[in-house]
Structures are given as C-alpha cells and as structure tokens.
N, C-alpha and C. Protein backbone atom coordinates (compact mmCIF):
# COMPACT_ATOMS: atom_id res chain seq x y z
N MET A 1 27.63 19.63 13.11
CA MET A 1 27.34 18.48 13.94
C MET A 1 28.53 17.52 13.88
N THR A 2 28.92 17.01 15.02
CA THR A 2 30.00 16.02 15.02
C THR A 2 29.46 14.68 14.56
N GLU A 3 30.32 13.91 13.94
CA GLU A 3 29.94 12.60 13.40
C GLU A 3 29.66 11.63 14.54
N PRO A 4 28.42 11.15 14.69
CA PRO A 4 28.12 10.18 15.74
C PRO A 4 28.64 8.80 15.34
N HIS A 5 28.63 7.88 16.30
CA HIS A 5 28.97 6.52 15.94
C HIS A 5 27.74 5.89 15.32
N PRO A 6 27.79 4.86 14.65
CA PRO A 6 28.94 4.16 14.08
C PRO A 6 29.36 4.77 12.75
N ALA A 7 30.39 4.17 12.13
CA ALA A 7 30.87 4.64 10.83
C ALA A 7 29.75 4.49 9.80
N PRO A 8 29.76 5.33 8.75
CA PRO A 8 28.68 5.31 7.76
C PRO A 8 28.33 3.93 7.19
N ASP A 9 29.31 3.12 6.90
CA ASP A 9 29.04 1.81 6.31
C ASP A 9 28.42 0.84 7.30
N ASP A 10 28.51 1.12 8.58
CA ASP A 10 28.04 0.20 9.60
C ASP A 10 26.71 0.60 10.23
N ARG A 11 26.10 1.68 9.79
CA ARG A 11 24.91 2.19 10.49
C ARG A 11 23.73 1.23 10.44
N ILE A 12 23.43 0.66 9.29
CA ILE A 12 22.29 -0.26 9.23
C ILE A 12 22.57 -1.52 10.04
N ASP A 13 23.83 -1.97 10.04
CA ASP A 13 24.19 -3.13 10.87
C ASP A 13 24.04 -2.78 12.35
N TRP A 14 24.42 -1.55 12.72
CA TRP A 14 24.26 -1.09 14.10
C TRP A 14 22.79 -1.13 14.49
N ALA A 15 21.93 -0.61 13.61
CA ALA A 15 20.49 -0.59 13.90
C ALA A 15 19.94 -2.01 14.02
N ARG A 16 20.33 -2.86 13.10
CA ARG A 16 19.85 -4.25 13.15
C ARG A 16 20.34 -4.95 14.41
N SER A 17 21.58 -4.68 14.84
CA SER A 17 22.12 -5.36 16.02
C SER A 17 21.45 -4.89 17.30
N ARG A 18 20.96 -3.67 17.33
CA ARG A 18 20.27 -3.16 18.52
C ARG A 18 18.89 -3.78 18.66
N GLY A 19 18.31 -4.16 17.53
CA GLY A 19 16.95 -4.72 17.55
C GLY A 19 15.92 -3.61 17.64
N VAL A 20 14.68 -3.96 17.37
CA VAL A 20 13.59 -2.97 17.41
C VAL A 20 12.55 -3.32 18.47
N GLY A 21 12.80 -4.38 19.21
CA GLY A 21 11.87 -4.77 20.26
C GLY A 21 10.91 -5.85 19.79
N ALA A 22 10.34 -6.55 20.75
CA ALA A 22 9.49 -7.71 20.47
C ALA A 22 8.25 -7.33 19.66
N LEU A 23 7.62 -6.21 19.95
CA LEU A 23 6.39 -5.84 19.24
C LEU A 23 6.66 -5.59 17.76
N ALA A 24 7.64 -4.74 17.46
CA ALA A 24 7.96 -4.45 16.06
C ALA A 24 8.42 -5.71 15.33
N GLU A 25 9.16 -6.57 16.01
CA GLU A 25 9.58 -7.84 15.40
C GLU A 25 8.37 -8.69 15.05
N LYS A 26 7.42 -8.82 15.99
CA LYS A 26 6.21 -9.61 15.75
C LYS A 26 5.40 -9.04 14.58
N MET A 27 5.46 -7.74 14.40
CA MET A 27 4.70 -7.09 13.33
C MET A 27 5.41 -7.14 11.98
N GLY A 28 6.63 -7.68 11.95
CA GLY A 28 7.34 -7.86 10.68
C GLY A 28 8.17 -6.68 10.24
N PHE A 29 8.60 -5.83 11.16
CA PHE A 29 9.45 -4.67 10.87
C PHE A 29 10.73 -5.13 10.18
N GLU A 30 11.08 -4.49 9.06
CA GLU A 30 12.32 -4.81 8.33
C GLU A 30 13.04 -3.52 7.94
N TRP A 31 14.32 -3.41 8.29
CA TRP A 31 15.13 -2.26 7.90
C TRP A 31 15.38 -2.26 6.39
N VAL A 32 15.36 -1.08 5.80
CA VAL A 32 15.71 -0.89 4.39
C VAL A 32 16.93 0.01 4.27
N GLU A 33 16.95 1.10 5.05
CA GLU A 33 18.03 2.10 4.97
C GLU A 33 18.17 2.76 6.34
N PHE A 34 19.42 3.13 6.67
CA PHE A 34 19.67 3.81 7.94
C PHE A 34 20.89 4.69 7.77
N THR A 35 20.68 6.00 7.59
CA THR A 35 21.76 6.96 7.40
C THR A 35 21.53 8.14 8.35
N LEU A 36 22.46 9.10 8.34
CA LEU A 36 22.25 10.30 9.15
C LEU A 36 21.04 11.10 8.67
N GLU A 37 20.76 11.03 7.37
CA GLU A 37 19.70 11.83 6.78
C GLU A 37 18.32 11.22 6.95
N ARG A 38 18.23 9.87 7.01
CA ARG A 38 16.91 9.25 7.12
C ARG A 38 17.03 7.78 7.49
N ALA A 39 15.90 7.26 7.93
CA ALA A 39 15.78 5.83 8.24
C ALA A 39 14.52 5.33 7.53
N VAL A 40 14.63 4.15 6.91
CA VAL A 40 13.52 3.59 6.15
C VAL A 40 13.32 2.14 6.56
N ALA A 41 12.05 1.75 6.74
CA ALA A 41 11.72 0.36 7.07
C ALA A 41 10.35 0.03 6.50
N THR A 42 10.08 -1.28 6.40
CA THR A 42 8.78 -1.74 5.93
C THR A 42 8.12 -2.61 6.99
N MET A 43 6.81 -2.80 6.79
CA MET A 43 6.03 -3.68 7.64
C MET A 43 4.90 -4.25 6.77
N PRO A 44 4.61 -5.55 6.88
CA PRO A 44 3.54 -6.11 6.06
C PRO A 44 2.16 -5.71 6.58
N VAL A 45 1.24 -5.56 5.65
CA VAL A 45 -0.15 -5.30 6.05
C VAL A 45 -0.75 -6.57 6.63
N GLU A 46 -0.53 -7.70 5.95
CA GLU A 46 -1.09 -8.97 6.40
C GLU A 46 -0.60 -9.30 7.81
N GLY A 47 -1.53 -9.63 8.66
CA GLY A 47 -1.21 -9.96 10.05
C GLY A 47 -1.25 -8.75 10.97
N ASN A 48 -1.41 -7.56 10.40
CA ASN A 48 -1.41 -6.32 11.19
C ASN A 48 -2.65 -5.47 10.89
N THR A 49 -3.79 -6.15 10.69
CA THR A 49 -5.00 -5.45 10.28
C THR A 49 -6.03 -5.37 11.40
N GLN A 50 -6.96 -4.44 11.21
CA GLN A 50 -8.16 -4.35 12.03
C GLN A 50 -9.12 -5.45 11.56
N PRO A 51 -10.20 -5.68 12.29
CA PRO A 51 -11.16 -6.71 11.87
C PRO A 51 -11.74 -6.51 10.46
N VAL A 52 -11.76 -5.27 9.97
CA VAL A 52 -12.33 -5.02 8.64
C VAL A 52 -11.29 -5.09 7.52
N GLY A 53 -10.05 -5.50 7.84
CA GLY A 53 -9.04 -5.72 6.82
C GLY A 53 -8.13 -4.55 6.51
N LEU A 54 -8.23 -3.47 7.26
CA LEU A 54 -7.37 -2.29 7.06
C LEU A 54 -6.15 -2.40 7.97
N PHE A 55 -5.01 -1.92 7.50
CA PHE A 55 -3.83 -1.87 8.36
C PHE A 55 -4.19 -1.10 9.63
N HIS A 56 -3.85 -1.65 10.76
CA HIS A 56 -4.22 -1.07 12.05
C HIS A 56 -3.49 0.25 12.27
N GLY A 57 -4.22 1.26 12.72
CA GLY A 57 -3.62 2.56 13.00
C GLY A 57 -2.47 2.48 13.97
N GLY A 58 -2.56 1.58 14.94
CA GLY A 58 -1.46 1.39 15.88
C GLY A 58 -0.21 0.87 15.20
N GLY A 59 -0.37 0.16 14.09
CA GLY A 59 0.77 -0.32 13.33
C GLY A 59 1.59 0.82 12.75
N TYR A 60 0.88 1.86 12.28
CA TYR A 60 1.60 3.03 11.77
C TYR A 60 2.43 3.65 12.89
N VAL A 61 1.86 3.68 14.09
CA VAL A 61 2.56 4.28 15.23
C VAL A 61 3.75 3.42 15.64
N VAL A 62 3.59 2.09 15.64
CA VAL A 62 4.71 1.21 15.97
C VAL A 62 5.85 1.42 14.98
N LEU A 63 5.53 1.47 13.69
CA LEU A 63 6.55 1.70 12.66
C LEU A 63 7.21 3.06 12.87
N GLY A 64 6.41 4.09 13.10
CA GLY A 64 6.96 5.43 13.29
C GLY A 64 7.82 5.56 14.52
N GLU A 65 7.36 5.01 15.64
CA GLU A 65 8.15 5.12 16.87
C GLU A 65 9.45 4.34 16.77
N SER A 66 9.40 3.17 16.16
CA SER A 66 10.62 2.37 15.99
C SER A 66 11.64 3.12 15.15
N LEU A 67 11.21 3.71 14.05
CA LEU A 67 12.13 4.46 13.18
C LEU A 67 12.66 5.71 13.88
N GLY A 68 11.76 6.51 14.44
CA GLY A 68 12.17 7.77 15.06
C GLY A 68 13.06 7.59 16.27
N SER A 69 12.75 6.61 17.11
CA SER A 69 13.56 6.38 18.30
C SER A 69 14.95 5.85 17.95
N MET A 70 15.01 4.95 16.98
CA MET A 70 16.33 4.42 16.59
C MET A 70 17.17 5.52 15.96
N HIS A 71 16.57 6.35 15.13
CA HIS A 71 17.34 7.43 14.50
C HIS A 71 17.80 8.44 15.55
N ALA A 72 16.95 8.73 16.53
CA ALA A 72 17.36 9.62 17.62
C ALA A 72 18.52 9.04 18.41
N ASN A 73 18.52 7.72 18.61
CA ASN A 73 19.62 7.08 19.33
C ASN A 73 20.91 7.11 18.53
N LEU A 74 20.84 7.06 17.22
CA LEU A 74 22.04 7.23 16.39
C LEU A 74 22.67 8.59 16.68
N HIS A 75 21.84 9.61 16.70
CA HIS A 75 22.35 10.97 16.95
C HIS A 75 22.77 11.17 18.40
N ALA A 76 22.16 10.46 19.32
CA ALA A 76 22.51 10.61 20.74
C ALA A 76 23.97 10.22 20.98
N GLY A 77 24.41 9.15 20.33
CA GLY A 77 25.79 8.71 20.45
C GLY A 77 26.05 7.88 21.69
N PRO A 78 27.29 7.44 21.84
CA PRO A 78 27.67 6.56 22.96
C PRO A 78 27.41 7.21 24.32
N GLY A 79 26.95 6.40 25.26
CA GLY A 79 26.74 6.89 26.62
C GLY A 79 25.47 7.70 26.81
N ARG A 80 24.66 7.77 25.76
CA ARG A 80 23.41 8.54 25.84
C ARG A 80 22.27 7.70 25.30
N LEU A 81 21.06 7.98 25.72
CA LEU A 81 19.89 7.21 25.32
C LEU A 81 18.76 8.16 24.96
N ALA A 82 18.16 7.96 23.80
CA ALA A 82 16.98 8.73 23.40
C ALA A 82 15.74 7.95 23.78
N VAL A 83 14.80 8.62 24.45
CA VAL A 83 13.54 7.99 24.85
C VAL A 83 12.39 8.86 24.38
N GLY A 84 11.36 8.21 23.85
CA GLY A 84 10.20 8.94 23.34
C GLY A 84 9.44 9.63 24.45
N ILE A 85 9.06 10.89 24.20
CA ILE A 85 8.26 11.63 25.18
C ILE A 85 6.95 12.14 24.58
N ASP A 86 6.82 12.11 23.26
CA ASP A 86 5.57 12.52 22.62
C ASP A 86 5.50 11.89 21.24
N ILE A 87 4.32 11.42 20.88
CA ILE A 87 4.11 10.87 19.54
C ILE A 87 2.68 11.17 19.12
N ASN A 88 2.50 11.47 17.84
CA ASN A 88 1.15 11.63 17.31
C ASN A 88 1.13 11.15 15.88
N ALA A 89 -0.05 10.78 15.42
CA ALA A 89 -0.19 10.26 14.06
C ALA A 89 -1.50 10.75 13.46
N THR A 90 -1.43 11.08 12.19
CA THR A 90 -2.62 11.43 11.42
C THR A 90 -2.71 10.44 10.27
N HIS A 91 -3.80 9.67 10.26
CA HIS A 91 -4.01 8.65 9.23
C HIS A 91 -4.87 9.26 8.12
N THR A 92 -4.39 9.17 6.89
CA THR A 92 -5.09 9.80 5.76
C THR A 92 -5.52 8.81 4.69
N ARG A 93 -5.13 7.57 4.80
CA ARG A 93 -5.49 6.53 3.84
C ARG A 93 -5.30 5.20 4.54
N SER A 94 -5.98 4.17 4.03
CA SER A 94 -5.87 2.84 4.62
C SER A 94 -5.19 1.88 3.66
N ALA A 95 -4.12 1.24 4.12
CA ALA A 95 -3.48 0.19 3.34
C ALA A 95 -4.25 -1.10 3.59
N THR A 96 -4.43 -1.89 2.52
CA THR A 96 -5.19 -3.14 2.65
C THR A 96 -4.41 -4.37 2.23
N SER A 97 -3.23 -4.19 1.63
CA SER A 97 -2.42 -5.33 1.21
C SER A 97 -0.98 -4.88 1.01
N GLY A 98 -0.09 -5.85 0.82
CA GLY A 98 1.31 -5.54 0.54
C GLY A 98 2.07 -5.08 1.75
N LEU A 99 2.94 -4.12 1.52
CA LEU A 99 3.78 -3.55 2.57
C LEU A 99 3.46 -2.08 2.75
N VAL A 100 3.66 -1.59 3.96
CA VAL A 100 3.73 -0.15 4.18
C VAL A 100 5.20 0.19 4.41
N THR A 101 5.61 1.36 3.95
CA THR A 101 7.00 1.81 4.08
C THR A 101 7.03 3.11 4.85
N GLY A 102 7.84 3.15 5.89
CA GLY A 102 8.02 4.36 6.68
C GLY A 102 9.35 5.02 6.33
N VAL A 103 9.29 6.32 6.04
CA VAL A 103 10.50 7.11 5.77
C VAL A 103 10.59 8.16 6.87
N CYS A 104 11.62 8.06 7.67
CA CYS A 104 11.82 8.91 8.84
C CYS A 104 12.89 9.95 8.55
N THR A 105 12.56 11.22 8.74
CA THR A 105 13.53 12.29 8.57
C THR A 105 13.53 13.20 9.80
N PRO A 106 14.71 13.67 10.19
CA PRO A 106 14.77 14.56 11.35
C PRO A 106 14.23 15.95 11.00
N ILE A 107 13.46 16.49 11.92
CA ILE A 107 12.99 17.88 11.82
C ILE A 107 13.90 18.75 12.68
N HIS A 108 14.29 18.23 13.85
CA HIS A 108 15.17 18.95 14.78
C HIS A 108 16.07 17.94 15.48
N ILE A 109 17.35 18.19 15.47
CA ILE A 109 18.32 17.37 16.20
C ILE A 109 19.07 18.30 17.15
N GLY A 110 18.78 18.18 18.42
CA GLY A 110 19.45 19.01 19.41
C GLY A 110 20.23 18.15 20.39
N ARG A 111 20.81 18.80 21.38
CA ARG A 111 21.58 18.06 22.39
C ARG A 111 20.68 17.29 23.33
N SER A 112 19.47 17.81 23.59
CA SER A 112 18.60 17.14 24.55
C SER A 112 17.27 16.68 23.96
N LEU A 113 16.89 17.17 22.77
CA LEU A 113 15.64 16.77 22.14
C LEU A 113 15.84 16.54 20.65
N THR A 114 15.10 15.55 20.14
CA THR A 114 15.03 15.35 18.69
C THR A 114 13.56 15.29 18.30
N VAL A 115 13.26 15.73 17.09
CA VAL A 115 11.91 15.60 16.54
C VAL A 115 12.06 15.00 15.15
N HIS A 116 11.30 13.96 14.88
CA HIS A 116 11.32 13.28 13.59
C HIS A 116 9.92 13.19 13.00
N GLU A 117 9.85 13.28 11.68
CA GLU A 117 8.61 13.03 10.96
C GLU A 117 8.76 11.72 10.20
N ILE A 118 7.75 10.90 10.28
CA ILE A 118 7.75 9.62 9.57
C ILE A 118 6.54 9.61 8.64
N VAL A 119 6.80 9.50 7.34
CA VAL A 119 5.74 9.39 6.35
C VAL A 119 5.61 7.91 6.01
N VAL A 120 4.41 7.37 6.21
CA VAL A 120 4.15 5.95 5.92
C VAL A 120 3.27 5.87 4.68
N SER A 121 3.76 5.13 3.68
CA SER A 121 3.07 5.01 2.41
C SER A 121 2.76 3.56 2.09
N ASP A 122 1.78 3.35 1.20
CA ASP A 122 1.45 2.00 0.75
C ASP A 122 2.31 1.63 -0.46
N ASP A 123 2.06 0.45 -1.03
CA ASP A 123 2.85 -0.03 -2.17
C ASP A 123 2.74 0.85 -3.41
N GLN A 124 1.69 1.65 -3.49
CA GLN A 124 1.51 2.56 -4.62
C GLN A 124 2.12 3.94 -4.36
N GLY A 125 2.80 4.08 -3.23
CA GLY A 125 3.44 5.34 -2.89
C GLY A 125 2.49 6.39 -2.35
N ARG A 126 1.28 5.99 -1.99
CA ARG A 126 0.29 6.93 -1.44
C ARG A 126 0.47 7.05 0.06
N ARG A 127 0.51 8.29 0.56
CA ARG A 127 0.68 8.52 2.00
C ARG A 127 -0.53 7.99 2.74
N CYS A 128 -0.26 7.16 3.74
CA CYS A 128 -1.31 6.59 4.58
C CYS A 128 -1.35 7.23 5.96
N SER A 129 -0.19 7.61 6.48
CA SER A 129 -0.11 8.17 7.82
C SER A 129 1.12 9.05 7.93
N THR A 130 0.99 10.08 8.74
CA THR A 130 2.11 10.95 9.08
C THR A 130 2.27 10.89 10.60
N VAL A 131 3.45 10.46 11.03
CA VAL A 131 3.74 10.30 12.46
C VAL A 131 4.83 11.30 12.83
N ARG A 132 4.68 11.93 13.98
CA ARG A 132 5.74 12.80 14.50
C ARG A 132 6.07 12.34 15.90
N ILE A 133 7.38 12.17 16.15
CA ILE A 133 7.83 11.74 17.47
C ILE A 133 8.90 12.69 18.00
N THR A 134 8.80 12.98 19.29
CA THR A 134 9.81 13.76 20.00
C THR A 134 10.50 12.84 20.98
N ASN A 135 11.83 12.82 20.97
CA ASN A 135 12.62 12.03 21.89
C ASN A 135 13.47 12.94 22.75
N MET A 136 13.58 12.59 24.02
CA MET A 136 14.48 13.28 24.94
C MET A 136 15.76 12.45 25.02
N ILE A 137 16.90 13.13 24.97
CA ILE A 137 18.18 12.45 25.05
C ILE A 137 18.73 12.60 26.46
N ARG A 138 19.01 11.45 27.06
CA ARG A 138 19.51 11.40 28.42
C ARG A 138 20.92 10.81 28.44
N THR A 139 21.71 11.26 29.38
CA THR A 139 23.04 10.67 29.58
C THR A 139 22.88 9.49 30.52
N LEU A 140 23.46 8.36 30.14
CA LEU A 140 23.38 7.16 30.97
C LEU A 140 24.30 7.29 32.17
N ALA A 141 23.88 6.73 33.27
CA ALA A 141 24.71 6.73 34.48
C ALA A 141 25.91 5.83 34.25
N ALA A 142 27.03 6.26 34.80
CA ALA A 142 28.29 5.49 34.63
C ALA A 142 28.30 4.23 35.44
C-alpha cells in the first residue's frame, strides 16, 4: 500500500482539522488516536442516554460511523472521498456512566471500498457494541 497523506505525525491533527460533524460534536466525540492501523475516540455516556439511563444505541452508531468514515478518508487520499454505504451494529451491553471508547480497525482497504470494525467498550473495558461500516471511495470532480 502506498503511504497516504498526511505524514504519520500529523494524522490526528488532520482528523481533528477535518472535524467530525455537528452531531458527533454535540455528543462529545473526542479523538484519542489516529494511525494507519486504527482510530480511537471516546464519547461521554452522560447526555447521550435513553430515557431509562442507558447509553443510546444510536450513540454507538454515531461513534462507529465517525471513526470508520474518517479512517476510510485517510486511506482514500487527496482528491478522493469515502462515503458510507452500509452500517450495522450489534449491542451486547449497556453503558450507564463514564465514557465509551470506540476502537476502529480496517477489515478491508481497497481502491473503491473499505470495511471497518469498531468495537465500543465501557470504562471497565467490556464490549458494549460492535459496529461494522462499509465506505465507497469516490474520486472528486476536478
């Protein structure tokens, strides 16, 4: 694989400068790590719960899509854009306090498609949700 932009030391700054969108920002998305091998971010449980106090299932999906799409765009490189075309999530535990942490790893990185798995865990390291996203990579018009 050819080295995509940006340089290794600048990748998390690149991700932060692109932003994650208004929804993820409102939900408290925070970058932790951003490399070719994986992307990691957190989101607070407080403020993102269902009426019964559990972290909202849609929050897991927002965290997963934000991580997977940004990582796909890193691999897409200049002049190309990765856009989500499929996402699914399986929730296996409910977070009720603290932070949830999403760890995104690529399953497949191709020229036109990427597939990422995002494991979301609670503060005790217990898996709460597994998200899988597929992104299509498109060339931007000149």
